[in-house]
Amino acid sequence: QVQLVESGGGLVQAGGSLRLSCAASGRTSSVNTMGWFRQAPGKEREFVAAISRSGGSTVYANSVKGRFTISRDNAKNTVYLQMNSLKPEDTALYYCAATVESYSSISYHRRDIYDYWGQGTQVTVSS
């Protein structure tokens, strides 16, 4: 089993920045791709970004491309999401997720490939 715990959320003004962290514990040797998803009230959970085990492959949703950066530190079993130029429409509960299997990056946006999920951290962007 793998446990994922997100942190770093909060309230920020539009144009500001936040950095989210997701720490993995348990059988971390089994963790492969890691990703971030978000869910706003009344909306479906949507893909934000994902990164391969080596960090060599990253994928972003079009809505965050150029503003958000995903990275990981395997020595610390942690994945990060640096969020810049935040907009009110970025307001959501942000979830970290991890896969056990290795997938092509064309699949990173799919919720069904992720085996483990965190509880989420709230990001609120005021206008």
Protein backbone atom coordinates (compact mmCIF):
# COMPACT_ATOMS: atom_id res chain seq x y z
CA GLN A 1 0.00 0.00 0.00
CA VAL A 2 1.02 3.57 -0.67
CA GLN A 3 -0.23 6.61 1.22
CA LEU A 4 -0.20 10.06 -0.37
CA VAL A 5 -0.46 13.27 1.64
CA GLU A 6 -0.81 16.65 -0.05
CA SER A 7 0.14 19.99 1.47
CA GLY A 8 0.75 23.58 0.46
CA GLY A 9 -2.73 24.69 -0.48
CA GLY A 10 -4.21 27.96 0.67
CA LEU A 11 -5.77 31.28 -0.27
CA VAL A 12 -3.91 33.46 -2.77
CA GLN A 13 -4.74 36.49 -4.90
CA ALA A 14 -4.99 36.23 -8.64
CA GLY A 15 -1.53 36.44 -10.18
CA GLY A 16 0.08 34.86 -7.15
CA SER A 17 1.89 31.57 -6.69
CA LEU A 18 1.65 28.44 -4.59
CA ARG A 19 3.68 25.26 -4.42
CA LEU A 20 1.90 22.03 -3.64
CA SER A 21 3.71 19.00 -2.27
CA CYS A 22 2.66 15.37 -2.15
CA ALA A 23 4.61 13.01 0.08
CA ALA A 24 4.36 9.28 -0.53
CA SER A 25 4.88 6.69 2.19
CA GLY A 26 4.54 2.95 2.49
CA ARG A 27 5.62 0.82 -0.48
CA THR A 28 7.10 3.77 -2.33
CA SER A 29 9.32 1.52 -4.42
CA SER A 30 6.19 0.51 -6.32
CA VAL A 31 5.26 4.08 -7.28
CA ASN A 32 5.64 4.89 -10.95
CA THR A 33 3.91 7.86 -12.58
CA MET A 34 2.65 10.60 -10.29
CA GLY A 35 0.05 13.16 -11.17
CA TRP A 36 -2.07 16.04 -9.99
CA PHE A 37 -5.79 16.36 -10.55
CA ARG A 38 -8.26 18.97 -9.35
CA GLN A 39 -11.95 19.20 -8.69
CA ALA A 40 -13.99 22.37 -8.41
CA PRO A 41 -17.43 22.35 -6.77
CA GLY A 42 -20.04 20.86 -9.08
CA LYS A 43 -17.45 19.79 -11.65
CA GLU A 44 -15.73 16.57 -12.63
CA ARG A 45 -12.24 15.83 -11.37
CA GLU A 46 -9.85 16.92 -14.10
CA PHE A 47 -6.26 16.23 -14.99
CA VAL A 48 -3.69 18.92 -14.25
CA ALA A 49 -0.21 17.46 -14.72
CA ALA A 50 1.78 14.23 -14.43
CA ILE A 51 5.40 13.13 -14.36
CA SER A 52 7.13 9.85 -15.11
CA ARG A 53 9.12 7.91 -12.57
CA SER A 54 12.42 9.26 -13.86
CA GLY A 55 11.07 12.78 -14.23
CA GLY A 56 12.00 12.74 -17.89
CA SER A 57 8.45 12.92 -19.16
CA THR A 58 5.87 15.48 -18.10
CA VAL A 59 2.38 16.21 -19.39
CA TYR A 60 0.17 19.21 -18.66
CA ALA A 61 -3.43 20.14 -19.24
CA ASN A 62 -3.74 22.93 -21.77
CA SER A 63 -5.36 25.15 -19.14
CA VAL A 64 -2.20 25.18 -16.98
CA LYS A 65 0.54 24.84 -19.58
CA GLY A 66 3.14 27.58 -19.17
CA ARG A 67 1.94 28.46 -15.67
CA PHE A 68 2.33 25.23 -13.67
CA THR A 69 5.41 23.03 -13.33
CA ILE A 70 5.45 19.49 -11.99
CA SER A 71 8.61 17.96 -10.55
CA ARG A 72 9.58 15.12 -8.24
CA ASP A 73 12.32 14.21 -5.80
CA ASN A 74 12.50 10.42 -5.64
CA ALA A 75 14.94 10.52 -2.73
CA LYS A 76 12.22 12.26 -0.71
CA ASN A 77 9.33 10.35 -2.33
CA THR A 78 7.71 13.69 -3.05
CA VAL A 79 6.11 15.28 -6.08
CA TYR A 80 5.61 19.03 -6.40
CA LEU A 81 3.34 21.32 -8.35
CA GLN A 82 4.60 24.88 -8.71
CA MET A 83 1.67 27.07 -9.66
CA ASN A 84 2.33 30.58 -10.97
CA SER A 85 0.07 33.28 -12.41
CA LEU A 86 -2.88 31.77 -10.62
CA LYS A 87 -6.38 32.58 -11.80
CA PRO A 88 -9.73 32.37 -10.00
CA GLU A 89 -10.63 29.44 -12.25
CA ASP A 90 -7.75 27.48 -10.71
CA THR A 91 -9.74 27.32 -7.47
CA ALA A 92 -10.31 23.65 -6.63
CA LEU A 93 -9.41 20.77 -4.38
CA TYR A 94 -6.10 19.44 -5.69
CA TYR A 95 -5.41 15.72 -5.50
CA CYS A 96 -2.16 13.83 -5.86
CA ALA A 97 -2.25 10.39 -7.49
CA ALA A 98 0.20 7.60 -8.25
CA THR A 99 0.36 4.59 -10.52
CA VAL A 100 2.01 1.25 -9.93
CA GLU A 101 2.36 0.30 -13.57
CA SER A 102 4.34 2.18 -16.18
CA TYR A 103 2.26 3.87 -18.86
CA SER A 104 2.92 5.85 -21.99
CA SER A 105 2.63 9.57 -21.40
CA ILE A 106 -0.37 9.67 -23.72
CA SER A 107 -2.29 7.98 -20.92
CA TYR A 108 -1.25 10.27 -18.07
CA HIS A 109 -4.49 12.26 -18.19
CA ARG A 110 -6.63 9.17 -17.52
CA ARG A 111 -7.95 8.89 -13.98
CA ASP A 112 -8.36 5.11 -14.27
CA ILE A 113 -4.63 4.40 -14.49
CA TYR A 114 -3.95 5.79 -11.02
CA ASP A 115 -3.97 3.30 -8.16
CA TYR A 116 -3.50 5.60 -5.19
CA TRP A 117 -5.00 8.97 -4.33
CA GLY A 118 -4.45 11.53 -1.60
CA GLN A 119 -7.15 13.35 0.34
CA GLY A 120 -6.61 16.65 -1.42
CA THR A 121 -5.50 20.16 -0.54
CA GLN A 122 -7.67 23.22 -1.16
CA VAL A 123 -6.47 26.01 -3.41
CA THR A 124 -8.53 29.18 -3.50
CA VAL A 125 -7.65 32.07 -5.80
CA SER A 126 -9.39 35.36 -5.16
CA SER A 127 -9.97 37.95 -7.87
